[in-house]
């Protein structure tokens, strides 16, 4: 329990830095994604052992591959990037933390919080069009923290 809380606090700190950099610079540094992935992998190894670490790493890699393919498919259809490569790498790192089972919750929370933010921006008078770009990283971080916290308290989720 104490180990889980310690790891969650570190994940919160890294996620805060992640969101800040993405909002401020529009990029997600590789070192930050690697830090989040490494922290998740170390947690899986310490809490669950080598097999759990291997499973977490494989799930993270599979999730990253799926979103990398979706990113390419979207670009081939629309001729614009809909998801940055840093976001794809973050989702791979997040997959180490929450696994494939937590991915739908992460994406739903991220999408809903982004939608609420866009609605507030619209109400505040900012013109949003189909070409408006919005950093999605902070919303992914919120989704990861929510999902990870939910899984710690209710493992069935």
Protein backbone atom coordinates (compact mmCIF):
# COMPACT_ATOMS: atom_id res chain seq x y z
CA UNK A 1 0.00 0.00 0.00
CA UNK A 2 2.77 2.45 0.95
CA UNK A 3 4.67 1.49 -2.19
CA UNK A 4 1.58 2.17 -4.32
CA UNK A 5 1.08 5.59 -2.74
CA UNK A 6 4.74 6.51 -3.22
CA UNK A 7 4.65 5.51 -6.88
CA UNK A 8 1.37 7.38 -7.37
CA UNK A 9 2.84 10.56 -5.87
CA UNK A 10 5.82 10.30 -8.23
CA UNK A 11 3.45 9.70 -11.15
CA UNK A 12 1.48 12.81 -10.15
CA UNK A 13 4.68 14.89 -10.12
CA UNK A 14 5.83 13.58 -13.50
CA UNK A 15 2.33 14.09 -14.95
CA UNK A 16 2.29 17.68 -13.72
CA UNK A 17 5.63 18.37 -15.42
CA UNK A 18 4.35 16.57 -18.51
CA UNK A 19 1.20 18.71 -18.69
CA UNK A 20 3.10 21.94 -18.02
CA UNK A 21 5.65 21.32 -20.79
CA UNK A 22 2.98 20.29 -23.30
CA UNK A 23 0.86 23.37 -22.57
CA UNK A 24 3.85 25.72 -22.57
CA UNK A 25 5.88 24.32 -25.49
CA UNK A 26 3.50 22.02 -27.38
CA UNK A 27 5.92 19.09 -27.11
CA UNK A 28 6.41 16.12 -24.85
CA UNK A 29 10.08 15.33 -24.26
CA UNK A 30 11.21 11.74 -24.71
CA UNK A 31 13.03 11.82 -21.35
CA UNK A 32 9.73 12.50 -19.64
CA UNK A 33 7.91 9.66 -21.40
CA UNK A 34 10.83 7.36 -20.59
CA UNK A 35 10.72 8.45 -16.94
CA UNK A 36 7.01 7.66 -16.70
CA UNK A 37 7.54 4.31 -18.44
CA UNK A 38 10.54 3.42 -16.28
CA UNK A 39 8.71 4.31 -13.09
CA UNK A 40 5.74 2.17 -14.12
CA UNK A 41 8.00 -0.72 -15.05
CA UNK A 42 9.86 -0.52 -11.74
CA UNK A 43 6.53 -0.53 -9.90
CA UNK A 44 5.37 -3.59 -11.82
CA UNK A 45 8.63 -5.40 -11.06
CA UNK A 46 8.66 -4.52 -7.36
CA UNK A 47 4.97 -5.16 -6.71
CA UNK A 48 4.33 -8.08 -9.06
CA UNK A 49 7.69 -9.61 -9.90
CA UNK A 50 9.48 -10.25 -13.21
CA UNK A 51 6.47 -11.74 -15.01
CA UNK A 52 4.31 -8.75 -14.11
CA UNK A 53 7.07 -6.46 -15.36
CA UNK A 54 7.27 -8.33 -18.65
CA UNK A 55 3.49 -8.27 -19.04
CA UNK A 56 3.37 -4.52 -18.33
CA UNK A 57 6.15 -3.84 -20.83
CA UNK A 58 4.41 -5.90 -23.52
CA UNK A 59 1.08 -4.18 -22.92
CA UNK A 60 2.74 -0.77 -23.10
CA UNK A 61 4.48 -1.67 -26.36
CA UNK A 62 1.25 -3.04 -27.87
CA UNK A 63 -0.72 0.06 -26.88
CA UNK A 64 1.98 2.30 -28.34
CA UNK A 65 1.95 0.33 -31.59
CA UNK A 66 -1.85 0.55 -31.89
CA UNK A 67 -1.88 4.32 -31.38
CA UNK A 68 1.06 4.78 -33.74
CA UNK A 69 -0.94 2.92 -36.41
CA UNK A 70 -4.08 4.96 -35.64
CA UNK A 71 -2.02 8.15 -35.92
CA UNK A 72 -0.80 7.09 -39.37
CA UNK A 73 -4.29 6.09 -40.49
CA UNK A 74 -5.73 9.44 -39.41
CA UNK A 75 -2.99 11.29 -41.27
CA UNK A 76 -3.56 9.26 -44.43
CA UNK A 77 -7.28 10.09 -44.32
CA UNK A 78 -7.19 13.75 -43.27
CA UNK A 79 -3.67 14.85 -44.35
CA UNK A 80 -3.11 16.51 -40.96
CA UNK A 81 -1.68 15.14 -37.72
CA UNK A 82 -4.43 14.52 -35.20
CA UNK A 83 -2.24 13.07 -32.47
CA UNK A 84 1.36 14.00 -31.80
CA UNK A 85 4.07 11.39 -31.56
CA UNK A 86 4.74 12.45 -27.96
CA UNK A 87 1.13 11.60 -27.13
CA UNK A 88 1.58 8.18 -28.72
CA UNK A 89 4.73 7.58 -26.66
CA UNK A 90 2.91 8.75 -23.55
CA UNK A 91 0.08 6.29 -24.19
CA UNK A 92 2.67 3.51 -24.47
CA UNK A 93 4.14 4.59 -21.13
CA UNK A 94 0.66 4.86 -19.63
CA UNK A 95 -0.06 1.32 -20.85
CA UNK A 96 2.69 0.09 -18.54
CA UNK A 97 0.83 1.66 -15.62
CA UNK A 98 -2.77 0.72 -16.39
CA UNK A 99 -2.61 -2.07 -18.95
CA UNK A 100 -4.96 -2.64 -21.83
CA UNK A 101 -7.90 -2.99 -19.43
CA UNK A 102 -7.49 0.60 -18.21
CA UNK A 103 -7.02 2.14 -21.65
CA UNK A 104 -10.73 2.75 -22.42
CA UNK A 105 -11.14 4.61 -19.13
CA UNK A 106 -8.01 6.72 -19.75
CA UNK A 107 -9.15 7.70 -23.26
CA UNK A 108 -12.71 8.42 -22.11
CA UNK A 109 -11.57 10.65 -19.22
CA UNK A 110 -9.08 12.44 -21.50
CA UNK A 111 -11.69 13.01 -24.20
CA UNK A 112 -14.35 14.21 -21.78
CA UNK A 113 -12.03 16.62 -19.97
CA UNK A 114 -10.78 17.95 -23.31
CA UNK A 115 -14.38 18.41 -24.44
CA UNK A 116 -15.25 20.29 -21.25
CA UNK A 117 -12.17 22.48 -21.70
CA UNK A 118 -13.09 23.22 -25.32
CA UNK A 119 -16.64 24.08 -24.22
CA UNK A 120 -15.36 26.48 -21.57
CA UNK A 121 -13.02 28.07 -24.12
CA UNK A 122 -15.92 28.47 -26.55
CA UNK A 123 -18.09 30.04 -23.85
CA UNK A 124 -15.23 32.38 -22.95
CA UNK A 125 -15.26 33.69 -26.51
CA UNK A 126 -12.37 31.80 -28.10
CA UNK A 127 -13.21 30.80 -31.64
CA UNK A 128 -12.67 27.06 -32.16
CA UNK A 129 -12.63 25.54 -35.64
CA UNK A 130 -11.71 22.19 -37.13
CA UNK A 131 -8.17 23.53 -37.56
CA UNK A 132 -7.78 24.69 -33.93
CA UNK A 133 -5.10 22.74 -32.13
CA UNK A 134 -5.29 21.94 -28.46
CA UNK A 135 -2.56 20.15 -26.51
CA UNK A 136 -4.02 16.77 -25.66
CA UNK A 137 -1.19 15.72 -23.33
CA UNK A 138 -2.60 17.34 -20.18
CA UNK A 139 -5.91 15.55 -20.71
CA UNK A 140 -4.10 12.24 -21.23
CA UNK A 141 -2.25 12.88 -17.96
CA UNK A 142 -5.55 13.50 -16.16
CA UNK A 143 -6.91 10.28 -17.67
CA UNK A 144 -3.86 8.32 -16.52
CA UNK A 145 -3.99 9.68 -12.99
CA UNK A 146 -7.74 9.06 -12.70
CA UNK A 147 -7.48 5.53 -14.11
CA UNK A 148 -4.43 4.61 -12.07
CA UNK A 149 -6.04 5.92 -8.88
CA UNK A 150 -9.24 4.06 -9.65
CA UNK A 151 -7.35 0.82 -10.25
CA UNK A 152 -5.49 1.18 -6.94
CA UNK A 153 -8.69 1.58 -4.93
CA UNK A 154 -10.96 -0.67 -7.00
CA UNK A 155 -8.80 -3.33 -8.69
CA UNK A 156 -11.84 -4.64 -10.54
CA UNK A 157 -11.81 -1.51 -12.73
